[in-house]
C-alpha atoms as a PDB file:
ATOM      1  CA  UNK A   1       2.078  29.275 -15.567  1.00  0.00           C
ATOM      2  CA  UNK A   2      -1.672  29.233 -15.082  1.00  0.00           C
ATOM      3  CA  UNK A   3      -2.158  28.541 -18.777  1.00  0.00           C
ATOM      4  CA  UNK A   4       0.219  25.624 -18.536  1.00  0.00           C
ATOM      5  CA  UNK A   5      -1.626  24.208 -15.570  1.00  0.00           C
ATOM      6  CA  UNK A   6      -4.978  24.511 -17.316  1.00  0.00           C
ATOM      7  CA  UNK A   7      -3.687  22.871 -20.456  1.00  0.00           C
ATOM      8  CA  UNK A   8      -2.186  20.074 -18.363  1.00  0.00           C
ATOM      9  CA  UNK A   9      -5.594  19.507 -16.836  1.00  0.00           C
ATOM     10  CA  UNK A  10      -7.202  18.735 -20.142  1.00  0.00           C
ATOM     11  CA  UNK A  11      -6.738  21.782 -22.436  1.00  0.00           C
ATOM     12  CA  UNK A  12      -5.445  21.819 -25.986  1.00  0.00           C
ATOM     13  CA  UNK A  13      -1.674  21.847 -25.342  1.00  0.00           C
ATOM     14  CA  UNK A  14       0.116  18.530 -25.593  1.00  0.00           C
ATOM     15  CA  UNK A  15       2.667  17.318 -23.074  1.00  0.00           C
ATOM     16  CA  UNK A  16       5.402  18.021 -25.638  1.00  0.00           C
ATOM     17  CA  UNK A  17       4.309  21.649 -26.008  1.00  0.00           C
ATOM     18  CA  UNK A  18       4.116  22.114 -22.245  1.00  0.00           C
ATOM     19  CA  UNK A  19       7.598  20.638 -21.771  1.00  0.00           C
ATOM     20  CA  UNK A  20       9.016  22.896 -24.515  1.00  0.00           C
ATOM     21  CA  UNK A  21       7.485  25.954 -22.871  1.00  0.00           C
ATOM     22  CA  UNK A  22       8.767  24.954 -19.443  1.00  0.00           C
ATOM     23  CA  UNK A  23      12.277  24.363 -20.810  1.00  0.00           C
ATOM     24  CA  UNK A  24      12.241  27.827 -22.382  1.00  0.00           C
ATOM     25  CA  UNK A  25      11.272  29.372 -19.029  1.00  0.00           C
ATOM     26  CA  UNK A  26      13.935  27.549 -17.004  1.00  0.00           C
ATOM     27  CA  UNK A  27      16.419  29.608 -14.990  1.00  0.00           C
ATOM     28  CA  UNK A  28      20.138  28.655 -14.959  1.00  0.00           C
ATOM     29  CA  UNK A  29      19.674  27.108 -11.510  1.00  0.00           C
ATOM     30  CA  UNK A  30      16.767  25.017 -12.749  1.00  0.00           C
ATOM     31  CA  UNK A  31      18.768  23.882 -15.773  1.00  0.00           C
ATOM     32  CA  UNK A  32      21.628  22.861 -13.502  1.00  0.00           C
ATOM     33  CA  UNK A  33      19.258  20.825 -11.341  1.00  0.00           C
ATOM     34  CA  UNK A  34      17.633  19.227 -14.384  1.00  0.00           C
ATOM     35  CA  UNK A  35      20.769  18.436 -16.390  1.00  0.00           C
ATOM     36  CA  UNK A  36      23.955  18.416 -14.315  1.00  0.00           C
ATOM     37  CA  UNK A  37      23.031  16.603 -11.120  1.00  0.00           C
ATOM     38  CA  UNK A  38      23.233  12.760 -11.087  1.00  0.00           C
ATOM     39  CA  UNK A  39      20.467  11.246 -13.167  1.00  0.00           C
ATOM     40  CA  UNK A  40      18.771   9.616 -10.187  1.00  0.00           C
ATOM     41  CA  UNK A  41      18.352  13.024  -8.508  1.00  0.00           C
ATOM     42  CA  UNK A  42      17.337  14.814 -11.703  1.00  0.00           C
ATOM     43  CA  UNK A  43      13.865  16.296 -12.089  1.00  0.00           C
ATOM     44  CA  UNK A  44      12.787  16.724 -15.695  1.00  0.00           C
ATOM     45  CA  UNK A  45      10.699  19.725 -16.806  1.00  0.00           C
ATOM     46  CA  UNK A  46       7.095  19.640 -15.693  1.00  0.00           C
ATOM     47  CA  UNK A  47       7.707  17.105 -12.949  1.00  0.00           C
ATOM     48  CA  UNK A  48       8.278  17.438  -9.207  1.00  0.00           C
ATOM     49  CA  UNK A  49       9.995  14.202  -8.119  1.00  0.00           C
ATOM     50  CA  UNK A  50      13.060  12.130  -8.938  1.00  0.00           C
ATOM     51  CA  UNK A  51      14.044   8.501  -9.291  1.00  0.00           C
ATOM     52  CA  UNK A  52      15.438   8.145  -5.768  1.00  0.00           C
ATOM     53  CA  UNK A  53      12.216   9.392  -4.208  1.00  0.00           C
ATOM     54  CA  UNK A  54      10.293   6.652  -6.008  1.00  0.00           C
ATOM     55  CA  UNK A  55      12.942   3.922  -5.817  1.00  0.00           C
ATOM     56  CA  UNK A  56      13.162   3.839  -2.009  1.00  0.00           C
ATOM     57  CA  UNK A  57       9.483   2.911  -1.405  1.00  0.00           C
ATOM     58  CA  UNK A  58       9.546   0.697  -4.507  1.00  0.00           C
ATOM     59  CA  UNK A  59      12.528  -1.245  -3.139  1.00  0.00           C
ATOM     60  CA  UNK A  60      10.806  -1.612   0.230  1.00  0.00           C
ATOM     61  CA  UNK A  61       7.590  -2.892  -1.368  1.00  0.00           C
ATOM     62  CA  UNK A  62       9.481  -5.246  -3.677  1.00  0.00           C
ATOM     63  CA  UNK A  63      11.659  -6.702  -0.950  1.00  0.00           C
ATOM     64  CA  UNK A  64       8.756  -7.124   1.447  1.00  0.00           C
ATOM     65  CA  UNK A  65       6.373  -8.716  -1.057  1.00  0.00           C
ATOM     66  CA  UNK A  66       8.943 -10.994  -2.732  1.00  0.00           C
ATOM     67  CA  UNK A  67      10.067 -12.228   0.682  1.00  0.00           C
ATOM     68  CA  UNK A  68       6.482 -13.137   1.613  1.00  0.00           C
ATOM     69  CA  UNK A  69       5.830 -14.785  -1.752  1.00  0.00           C
ATOM     70  CA  UNK A  70       9.008 -16.887  -1.607  1.00  0.00           C
ATOM     71  CA  UNK A  71       8.294 -17.803   2.000  1.00  0.00           C
ATOM     72  CA  UNK A  72       4.778 -18.864   0.973  1.00  0.00           C
ATOM     73  CA  UNK A  73       6.256 -21.005  -1.808  1.00  0.00           C
ATOM     74  CA  UNK A  74       8.608 -22.700   0.650  1.00  0.00           C
ATOM     75  CA  UNK A  75       5.772 -23.253   3.112  1.00  0.00           C
ATOM     76  CA  UNK A  76       3.497 -24.689   0.409  1.00  0.00           C
ATOM     77  CA  UNK A  77       6.134 -27.299  -0.417  1.00  0.00           C
ATOM     78  CA  UNK A  78       6.380 -28.321   3.244  1.00  0.00           C
ATOM     79  CA  UNK A  79       2.664 -28.539   4.058  1.00  0.00           C
ATOM     80  CA  UNK A  80       2.299 -32.296   3.840  1.00  0.00           C
ATOM     81  CA  UNK A  81      -1.396 -32.962   4.519  1.00  0.00           C
ATOM     82  CA  UNK A  82      -2.084 -29.590   6.110  1.00  0.00           C
ATOM     83  CA  UNK A  83      -3.871 -26.551   4.733  1.00  0.00           C
ATOM     84  CA  UNK A  84      -1.811 -23.486   3.879  1.00  0.00           C
ATOM     85  CA  UNK A  85      -4.602 -21.135   4.923  1.00  0.00           C
ATOM     86  CA  UNK A  86      -5.195 -22.840   8.257  1.00  0.00           C
ATOM     87  CA  UNK A  87      -1.505 -22.914   9.142  1.00  0.00           C
ATOM     88  CA  UNK A  88      -0.219 -19.615   7.737  1.00  0.00           C
ATOM     89  CA  UNK A  89      -3.161 -17.192   7.417  1.00  0.00           C
ATOM     90  CA  UNK A  90      -2.935 -14.945   9.348  1.00  0.00           C
ATOM     91  CA  UNK A  91       0.806 -14.800   9.851  1.00  0.00           C
ATOM     92  CA  UNK A  92       1.588 -15.897  13.415  1.00  0.00           C
ATOM     93  CA  UNK A  93       5.321 -16.648  13.236  1.00  0.00           C
ATOM     94  CA  UNK A  94       6.941 -14.170  15.661  1.00  0.00           C
ATOM     95  CA  UNK A  95      10.348 -14.473  13.987  1.00  0.00           C
ATOM     96  CA  UNK A  96       8.951 -13.558  10.553  1.00  0.00           C
ATOM     97  CA  UNK A  97       6.796 -10.716  11.858  1.00  0.00           C
ATOM     98  CA  UNK A  98       9.549  -9.392  14.111  1.00  0.00           C
ATOM     99  CA  UNK A  99      12.159  -9.223  11.375  1.00  0.00           C
ATOM    100  CA  UNK A 100       9.729  -7.704   8.896  1.00  0.00           C
ATOM    101  CA  UNK A 101       8.596  -5.160  11.468  1.00  0.00           C
ATOM    102  CA  UNK A 102      12.073  -4.045  12.503  1.00  0.00           C
ATOM    103  CA  UNK A 103      13.442  -4.045   8.958  1.00  0.00           C
ATOM    104  CA  UNK A 104      10.428  -2.159   7.655  1.00  0.00           C
ATOM    105  CA  UNK A 105      10.653   0.502  10.344  1.00  0.00           C
ATOM    106  CA  UNK A 106      14.327   1.066   9.527  1.00  0.00           C
ATOM    107  CA  UNK A 107      13.617   1.415   5.790  1.00  0.00           C
ATOM    108  CA  UNK A 108      10.673   3.792   6.306  1.00  0.00           C
ATOM    109  CA  UNK A 109      12.717   6.007   8.642  1.00  0.00           C
ATOM    110  CA  UNK A 110      15.442   6.133   5.956  1.00  0.00           C
ATOM    111  CA  UNK A 111      12.779   7.111   3.420  1.00  0.00           C
ATOM    112  CA  UNK A 112      11.401   9.861   5.648  1.00  0.00           C
ATOM    113  CA  UNK A 113      14.922  11.207   6.231  1.00  0.00           C
ATOM    114  CA  UNK A 114      15.732  11.184   2.504  1.00  0.00           C
ATOM    115  CA  UNK A 115      12.473  12.909   1.572  1.00  0.00           C
ATOM    116  CA  UNK A 116      12.927  15.649   4.175  1.00  0.00           C
ATOM    117  CA  UNK A 117      16.570  16.295   3.279  1.00  0.00           C
ATOM    118  CA  UNK A 118      15.870  16.364  -0.485  1.00  0.00           C
ATOM    119  CA  UNK A 119      12.924  18.718  -0.010  1.00  0.00           C
ATOM    120  CA  UNK A 120      15.003  21.013   2.171  1.00  0.00           C
ATOM    121  CA  UNK A 121      17.844  21.168  -0.372  1.00  0.00           C
ATOM    122  CA  UNK A 122      15.528  21.700  -3.349  1.00  0.00           C
ATOM    123  CA  UNK A 123      12.812  23.899  -1.831  1.00  0.00           C
ATOM    124  CA  UNK A 124      14.066  25.030   1.566  1.00  0.00           C
ATOM    125  CA  UNK A 125      11.132  23.292   3.241  1.00  0.00           C
ATOM    126  CA  UNK A 126      11.566  19.756   4.659  1.00  0.00           C
ATOM    127  CA  UNK A 127       7.793  19.230   4.584  1.00  0.00           C
ATOM    128  CA  UNK A 128       7.444  20.149   0.905  1.00  0.00           C
ATOM    129  CA  UNK A 129       6.710  16.499  -0.037  1.00  0.00           C
ATOM    130  CA  UNK A 130       4.157  15.924   2.712  1.00  0.00           C
ATOM    131  CA  UNK A 131       2.321  13.281   0.688  1.00  0.00           C
ATOM    132  CA  UNK A 132       5.485  11.195   0.404  1.00  0.00           C
ATOM    133  CA  UNK A 133       6.186  11.595   4.130  1.00  0.00           C
ATOM    134  CA  UNK A 134       2.653  10.473   4.945  1.00  0.00           C
ATOM    135  CA  UNK A 135       3.118   7.425   2.720  1.00  0.00           C
ATOM    136  CA  UNK A 136       6.253   6.407   4.614  1.00  0.00           C
ATOM    137  CA  UNK A 137       4.605   7.048   7.973  1.00  0.00           C
ATOM    138  CA  UNK A 138       1.585   4.885   7.083  1.00  0.00           C
ATOM    139  CA  UNK A 139       3.858   1.912   6.312  1.00  0.00           C
ATOM    140  CA  UNK A 140       5.930   2.633   9.398  1.00  0.00           C
ATOM    141  CA  UNK A 141       2.709   2.012  11.347  1.00  0.00           C
ATOM    142  CA  UNK A 142       2.205  -1.292   9.507  1.00  0.00           C
ATOM    143  CA  UNK A 143       5.679  -2.453  10.555  1.00  0.00           C
ATOM    144  CA  UNK A 144       5.164  -1.180  14.106  1.00  0.00           C
ATOM    145  CA  UNK A 145       1.942  -3.204  14.381  1.00  0.00           C
ATOM    146  CA  UNK A 146       3.752  -6.313  13.098  1.00  0.00           C
ATOM    147  CA  UNK A 147       6.445  -5.864  15.736  1.00  0.00           C
ATOM    148  CA  UNK A 148       3.897  -5.302  18.524  1.00  0.00           C
ATOM    149  CA  UNK A 149       2.045  -8.465  17.469  1.00  0.00           C
ATOM    150  CA  UNK A 150       5.186 -10.464  18.223  1.00  0.00           C
ATOM    151  CA  UNK A 151       5.128  -9.073  21.776  1.00  0.00           C
ATOM    152  CA  UNK A 152       1.500 -10.057  22.283  1.00  0.00           C
ATOM    153  CA  UNK A 153       0.413  -6.422  22.553  1.00  0.00           C
ATOM    154  CA  UNK A 154      -1.901  -6.558  19.522  1.00  0.00           C
ATOM    155  CA  UNK A 155      -4.238  -9.258  18.108  1.00  0.00           C
ATOM    156  CA  UNK A 156      -3.045 -11.382  15.162  1.00  0.00           C
ATOM    157  CA  UNK A 157      -3.385  -9.754  11.728  1.00  0.00           C
ATOM    158  CA  UNK A 158      -3.447  -6.193  13.097  1.00  0.00           C
ATOM    159  CA  UNK A 159      -0.578  -5.425  10.741  1.00  0.00           C
ATOM    160  CA  UNK A 160      -2.769  -6.272   7.748  1.00  0.00           C
ATOM    161  CA  UNK A 161      -5.531  -4.005   9.073  1.00  0.00           C
ATOM    162  CA  UNK A 162      -2.901  -1.266   9.223  1.00  0.00           C
ATOM    163  CA  UNK A 163      -1.832  -2.266   5.703  1.00  0.00           C
ATOM    164  CA  UNK A 164      -5.375  -1.686   4.444  1.00  0.00           C
ATOM    165  CA  UNK A 165      -5.357   1.772   6.031  1.00  0.00           C
ATOM    166  CA  UNK A 166      -1.982   2.487   4.406  1.00  0.00           C
ATOM    167  CA  UNK A 167      -3.318   1.471   0.978  1.00  0.00           C
ATOM    168  CA  UNK A 168      -6.485   3.569   1.375  1.00  0.00           C
ATOM    169  CA  UNK A 169      -4.409   6.555   2.477  1.00  0.00           C
ATOM    170  CA  UNK A 170      -2.092   6.031  -0.488  1.00  0.00           C
ATOM    171  CA  UNK A 171      -5.079   5.879  -2.831  1.00  0.00           C
ATOM    172  CA  UNK A 172      -6.376   9.220  -1.565  1.00  0.00           C
ATOM    173  CA  UNK A 173      -2.962  10.892  -1.734  1.00  0.00           C
ATOM    174  CA  UNK A 174      -1.870   9.546  -5.112  1.00  0.00           C
ATOM    175  CA  UNK A 175      -5.220  10.344  -6.726  1.00  0.00           C
ATOM    176  CA  UNK A 176      -5.159  13.915  -5.444  1.00  0.00           C
ATOM    177  CA  UNK A 177      -1.453  14.167  -6.286  1.00  0.00           C
ATOM    178  CA  UNK A 178      -2.112  13.030  -9.833  1.00  0.00           C
ATOM    179  CA  UNK A 179      -4.900  15.494 -10.560  1.00  0.00           C
ATOM    180  CA  UNK A 180      -2.571  18.410  -9.803  1.00  0.00           C
ATOM    181  CA  UNK A 181       0.213  17.368 -12.185  1.00  0.00           C
ATOM    182  CA  UNK A 182       1.004  19.668 -15.132  1.00  0.00           C
ATOM    183  CA  UNK A 183       1.562  16.882 -17.657  1.00  0.00           C
ATOM    184  CA  UNK A 184      -1.218  14.532 -18.646  1.00  0.00           C
ATOM    185  CA  UNK A 185       1.121  11.526 -18.720  1.00  0.00           C
ATOM    186  CA  UNK A 186       2.218  12.368 -15.176  1.00  0.00           C
ATOM    187  CA  UNK A 187      -1.422  12.671 -14.104  1.00  0.00           C
ATOM    188  CA  UNK A 188      -2.377   9.306 -15.573  1.00  0.00           C
ATOM    189  CA  UNK A 189       0.663   7.583 -14.099  1.00  0.00           C
ATOM    190  CA  UNK A 190      -0.135   8.722 -10.550  1.00  0.00           C
ATOM    191  CA  UNK A 191      -3.888   8.137 -10.845  1.00  0.00           C
ATOM    192  CA  UNK A 192      -3.215   4.567 -12.013  1.00  0.00           C
ATOM    193  CA  UNK A 193      -0.925   4.178  -9.013  1.00  0.00           C
ATOM    194  CA  UNK A 194      -3.830   5.223  -6.792  1.00  0.00           C
ATOM    195  CA  UNK A 195      -6.041   2.555  -8.389  1.00  0.00           C
ATOM    196  CA  UNK A 196      -3.410  -0.097  -7.681  1.00  0.00           C
ATOM    197  CA  UNK A 197      -3.479   0.926  -4.024  1.00  0.00           C
ATOM    198  CA  UNK A 198      -7.278   0.812  -3.899  1.00  0.00           C
ATOM    199  CA  UNK A 199      -7.277  -2.665  -5.450  1.00  0.00           C
ATOM    200  CA  UNK A 200      -4.604  -3.742  -2.978  1.00  0.00           C
ATOM    201  CA  UNK A 201      -6.709  -2.525  -0.054  1.00  0.00           C
ATOM    202  CA  UNK A 202      -9.737  -4.433  -1.356  1.00  0.00           C
ATOM    203  CA  UNK A 203      -7.957  -7.754  -1.860  1.00  0.00           C
ATOM    204  CA  UNK A 204      -6.178  -7.608   1.530  1.00  0.00           C
ATOM    205  CA  UNK A 205      -9.520  -6.836   3.201  1.00  0.00           C
ATOM    206  CA  UNK A 206     -11.059  -9.807   1.390  1.00  0.00           C
ATOM    207  CA  UNK A 207      -8.185 -12.016   2.528  1.00  0.00           C
ATOM    208  CA  UNK A 208      -8.670 -10.910   6.136  1.00  0.00           C
ATOM    209  CA  UNK A 209     -12.390 -11.690   5.959  1.00  0.00           C
ATOM    210  CA  UNK A 210     -11.989 -15.010   4.119  1.00  0.00           C
ATOM    211  CA  UNK A 211      -8.796 -16.448   5.538  1.00  0.00           C
ATOM    212  CA  UNK A 212      -9.309 -19.747   3.679  1.00  0.00           C
ATOM    213  CA  UNK A 213      -8.572 -18.031   0.352  1.00  0.00           C
ATOM    214  CA  UNK A 214      -4.932 -18.727  -0.452  1.00  0.00           C
ATOM    215  CA  UNK A 215      -5.404 -17.004  -3.805  1.00  0.00           C
ATOM    216  CA  UNK A 216      -6.434 -13.734  -2.147  1.00  0.00           C
ATOM    217  CA  UNK A 217      -3.508 -13.920   0.272  1.00  0.00           C
ATOM    218  CA  UNK A 218      -1.036 -14.354  -2.597  1.00  0.00           C
ATOM    219  CA  UNK A 219      -2.845 -11.761  -4.715  1.00  0.00           C
ATOM    220  CA  UNK A 220      -2.391  -9.064  -2.103  1.00  0.00           C
ATOM    221  CA  UNK A 221       1.386  -9.409  -2.206  1.00  0.00           C
ATOM    222  CA  UNK A 222       1.421  -9.833  -6.000  1.00  0.00           C
ATOM    223  CA  UNK A 223      -0.250  -6.428  -6.304  1.00  0.00           C
ATOM    224  CA  UNK A 224       2.422  -5.007  -4.022  1.00  0.00           C
ATOM    225  CA  UNK A 225       5.048  -6.325  -6.468  1.00  0.00           C
ATOM    226  CA  UNK A 226       3.170  -4.589  -9.273  1.00  0.00           C
ATOM    227  CA  UNK A 227       3.048  -1.369  -7.274  1.00  0.00           C
ATOM    228  CA  UNK A 228       6.821  -1.490  -6.775  1.00  0.00           C
ATOM    229  CA  UNK A 229       7.432  -1.906 -10.522  1.00  0.00           C
ATOM    230  CA  UNK A 230       5.076   0.954 -11.282  1.00  0.00           C
ATOM    231  CA  UNK A 231       6.890   3.178  -8.777  1.00  0.00           C
ATOM    232  CA  UNK A 232      10.188   2.362 -10.506  1.00  0.00           C
ATOM    233  CA  UNK A 233       8.547   3.278 -13.825  1.00  0.00           C
ATOM    234  CA  UNK A 234       7.252   6.550 -12.397  1.00  0.00           C
ATOM    235  CA  UNK A 235      10.693   7.332 -10.975  1.00  0.00           C
ATOM    236  CA  UNK A 236      12.351   6.814 -14.357  1.00  0.00           C
ATOM    237  CA  UNK A 237       9.701   9.045 -15.917  1.00  0.00           C
ATOM    238  CA  UNK A 238      10.442  11.781 -13.383  1.00  0.00           C
ATOM    239  CA  UNK A 239      14.221  11.686 -13.935  1.00  0.00           C
ATOM    240  CA  UNK A 240      15.106  10.162 -17.302  1.00  0.00           C
ATOM    241  CA  UNK A 241      12.628  10.173 -20.161  1.00  0.00           C
ATOM    242  CA  UNK A 242       9.203  11.160 -21.429  1.00  0.00           C
ATOM    243  CA  UNK A 243       6.401   8.688 -22.034  1.00  0.00           C
ATOM    244  CA  UNK A 244       3.519   9.148 -24.500  1.00  0.00           C
ATOM    245  CA  UNK A 245       0.299   9.833 -22.661  1.00  0.00           C
ATOM    246  CA  UNK A 246      -1.804   7.373 -24.674  1.00  0.00           C
ATOM    247  CA  UNK A 247       0.478   4.427 -23.823  1.00  0.00           C
ATOM    248  CA  UNK A 248       0.750   4.852 -20.039  1.00  0.00           C
ATOM    249  CA  UNK A 249      -2.065   2.424 -19.261  1.00  0.00           C
ATOM    250  CA  UNK A 250      -0.581  -0.065 -21.735  1.00  0.00           C
ATOM    251  CA  UNK A 251       2.711  -0.056 -19.834  1.00  0.00           C
ATOM    252  CA  UNK A 252       0.844  -0.840 -16.620  1.00  0.00           C
ATOM    253  CA  UNK A 253      -1.086  -3.636 -18.343  1.00  0.00           C
ATOM    254  CA  UNK A 254       2.167  -5.164 -19.608  1.00  0.00           C
ATOM    255  CA  UNK A 255       3.738  -4.985 -16.144  1.00  0.00           C
ATOM    256  CA  UNK A 256       0.612  -6.575 -14.627  1.00  0.00           C
ATOM    257  CA  UNK A 257       0.731  -9.460 -17.074  1.00  0.00           C
ATOM    258  CA  UNK A 258       4.453  -9.984 -16.518  1.00  0.00           C
ATOM    259  CA  UNK A 259       4.055 -10.092 -12.727  1.00  0.00           C
ATOM    260  CA  UNK A 260       1.208 -12.592 -13.044  1.00  0.00           C
ATOM    261  CA  UNK A 261       3.144 -14.723 -15.531  1.00  0.00           C
ATOM    262  CA  UNK A 262       6.288 -14.848 -13.394  1.00  0.00           C
ATOM    263  CA  UNK A 263       4.346 -15.871 -10.271  1.00  0.00           C
ATOM    264  CA  UNK A 264       2.447 -18.566 -12.180  1.00  0.00           C
ATOM    265  CA  UNK A 265       5.584 -19.971 -13.828  1.00  0.00           C
ATOM    266  CA  UNK A 266       7.604 -19.976 -10.596  1.00  0.00           C
ATOM    267  CA  UNK A 267       4.835 -21.707  -8.680  1.00  0.00           C
ATOM    268  CA  UNK A 268       4.221 -24.226 -11.450  1.00  0.00           C
ATOM    269  CA  UNK A 269       7.909 -25.111 -11.541  1.00  0.00           C
ATOM    270  CA  UNK A 270       8.770 -25.003  -7.846  1.00  0.00           C
ATOM    271  CA  UNK A 271       5.428 -25.478  -6.077  1.00  0.00           C
ATOM    272  CA  UNK A 272       4.160 -28.583  -4.230  1.00  0.00           C
ATOM    273  CA  UNK A 273       5.286 -31.896  -5.638  1.00  0.00           C
ATOM    274  CA  UNK A 274       2.822 -33.876  -7.752  1.00  0.00           C
ATOM    275  CA  UNK A 275       2.771 -36.718  -5.223  1.00  0.00           C
ATOM    276  CA  UNK A 276       1.683 -34.241  -2.579  1.00  0.00           C
ATOM    277  CA  UNK A 277      -1.062 -32.860  -4.821  1.00  0.00           C
ATOM    278  CA  UNK A 278      -2.435 -36.351  -5.425  1.00  0.00           C
ATOM    279  CA  UNK A 279      -2.732 -37.087  -1.708  1.00  0.00           C
ATOM    280  CA  UNK A 280      -6.514 -37.457  -1.150  1.00  0.00           C
ATOM    281  CA  UNK A 281      -6.215 -36.130   2.403  1.00  0.00           C
ATOM    282  CA  UNK A 282      -4.447 -32.999   1.197  1.00  0.00           C
ATOM    283  CA  UNK A 283      -6.699 -29.924   1.317  1.00  0.00           C
ATOM    284  CA  UNK A 284      -6.703 -29.547  -2.430  1.00  0.00           C
ATOM    285  CA  UNK A 285      -5.548 -25.939  -2.734  1.00  0.00           C
ATOM    286  CA  UNK A 286      -3.322 -27.013  -5.630  1.00  0.00           C
ATOM    287  CA  UNK A 287      -4.946 -30.288  -6.664  1.00  0.00           C
ATOM    288  CA  UNK A 288      -4.962 -31.015 -10.441  1.00  0.00           C
ATOM    289  CA  UNK A 289      -8.263 -30.947 -12.307  1.00  0.00           C
ATOM    290  CA  UNK A 290      -9.817 -34.327 -13.071  1.00  0.00           C
ATOM    291  CA  UNK A 291     -13.114 -35.987 -14.006  1.00  0.00           C
ATOM    292  CA  UNK A 292     -14.799 -37.256 -10.857  1.00  0.00           C
ATOM    293  CA  UNK A 293     -16.343 -40.732 -10.971  1.00  0.00           C
ATOM    294  CA  UNK A 294     -18.967 -39.774  -8.388  1.00  0.00           C
ATOM    295  CA  UNK A 295     -20.268 -36.761 -10.342  1.00  0.00           C
ATOM    296  CA  UNK A 296     -22.486 -37.634 -13.345  1.00  0.00           C
ATOM    297  CA  UNK A 297     -22.300 -34.037 -14.612  1.00  0.00           C
ATOM    298  CA  UNK A 298     -18.585 -34.469 -15.234  1.00  0.00           C
ATOM    299  CA  UNK A 299     -19.204 -37.470 -17.473  1.00  0.00           C
ATOM    300  CA  UNK A 300     -22.047 -35.762 -19.363  1.00  0.00           C
ATOM    301  CA  UNK A 301     -19.619 -33.032 -20.436  1.00  0.00           C
ATOM    302  CA  UNK A 302     -17.530 -35.625 -22.248  1.00  0.00           C
ATOM    303  CA  UNK A 303     -20.437 -37.703 -23.618  1.00  0.00           C
ATOM    304  CA  UNK A 304     -20.239 -37.430 -27.423  1.00  0.00           C
ATOM    305  CA  UNK A 305     -22.832 -40.101 -28.199  1.00  0.00           C
END
C-alpha cells in the first residue's frame, strides 16, 4: 500500500494502474461495498467518499446561492431610482436572514448526522470523516450568525464574516485532504475545490469592505454555485466513473464558464427594464454604455478624420 500511496503522490504509476492494483487487492466485503450497494453510496477503488456525502453540501450551497441570486434579480427589478448596494448590502431583511438561518441549520445538522452514520457503518468510527463534519459545522455557524442577526444579538453582516471563516477553513481542509489522496485525479479535484473556497473567501471579504460593489456581492454567490457543481462532479467521480487526470482542470473551467454564462443571460433577459436603466437619477449599476457629450475623450475615440 505504501508503494501505491507514493505513486499516487507523483510517482510513475498512472491512476489506471493504481486502480487495477487496488481492485486486485479487494476483499469480498470491499467488492460488495463497491459494486452491490446503491450507486449513490458506492465508493470506487482508490477513493474514500461517495456521491451522497458530496451531494448534501452541494445541494445546500446550490439552494442557498440560487435563492440569493434570484432574490437579487427580483430586487434589482424593483429598485426604481435607488441603489442596490445601498438598499441590500449588507442583507438586513430579518425575514430573509431568519429563514436562511433556520433552514441552513436544519440542513447542516442533517449533513452531520448522515456523515457520522455513514462513517460508523463503513469504518466503525463516527468521526472518521472529521473534515466533512468540520465543513458542516462551519456553515452551521454561518446560519446561526444569520439567525442571531435577526434577533439583534449580532451586528449586520456577521454571517458573511462567518462565511469567510467557513471558506478559509474549507480551503485548508480540502487542500490537505487532496494531498493525501491515492489517485492523482482525486488529488487535483480536491485541491481545485480548495482554490474555489479561497477565491470565495477573498471575494466575500472584498464585498464586505466595499459594499458599493454589486458585482462583488453577486460574484460571491456565483462562486458558491460553482462550488456546488464541482462537489456534484466530485461525488460522481467518487461513486460512478473515472476521470482522466489531465482533463480535471478543463472540466472545472467549463463549469465556470457555464455558470458565468447562465448568470449573464438570465440577468440580461430578466434584469432591470430599459426604461429604468435610462433614468438619469438611477445609480447606474446597470446603465448601458454610451458616448458622453460632456467628455471630449469619448468623441476623440470615434474621430476618423
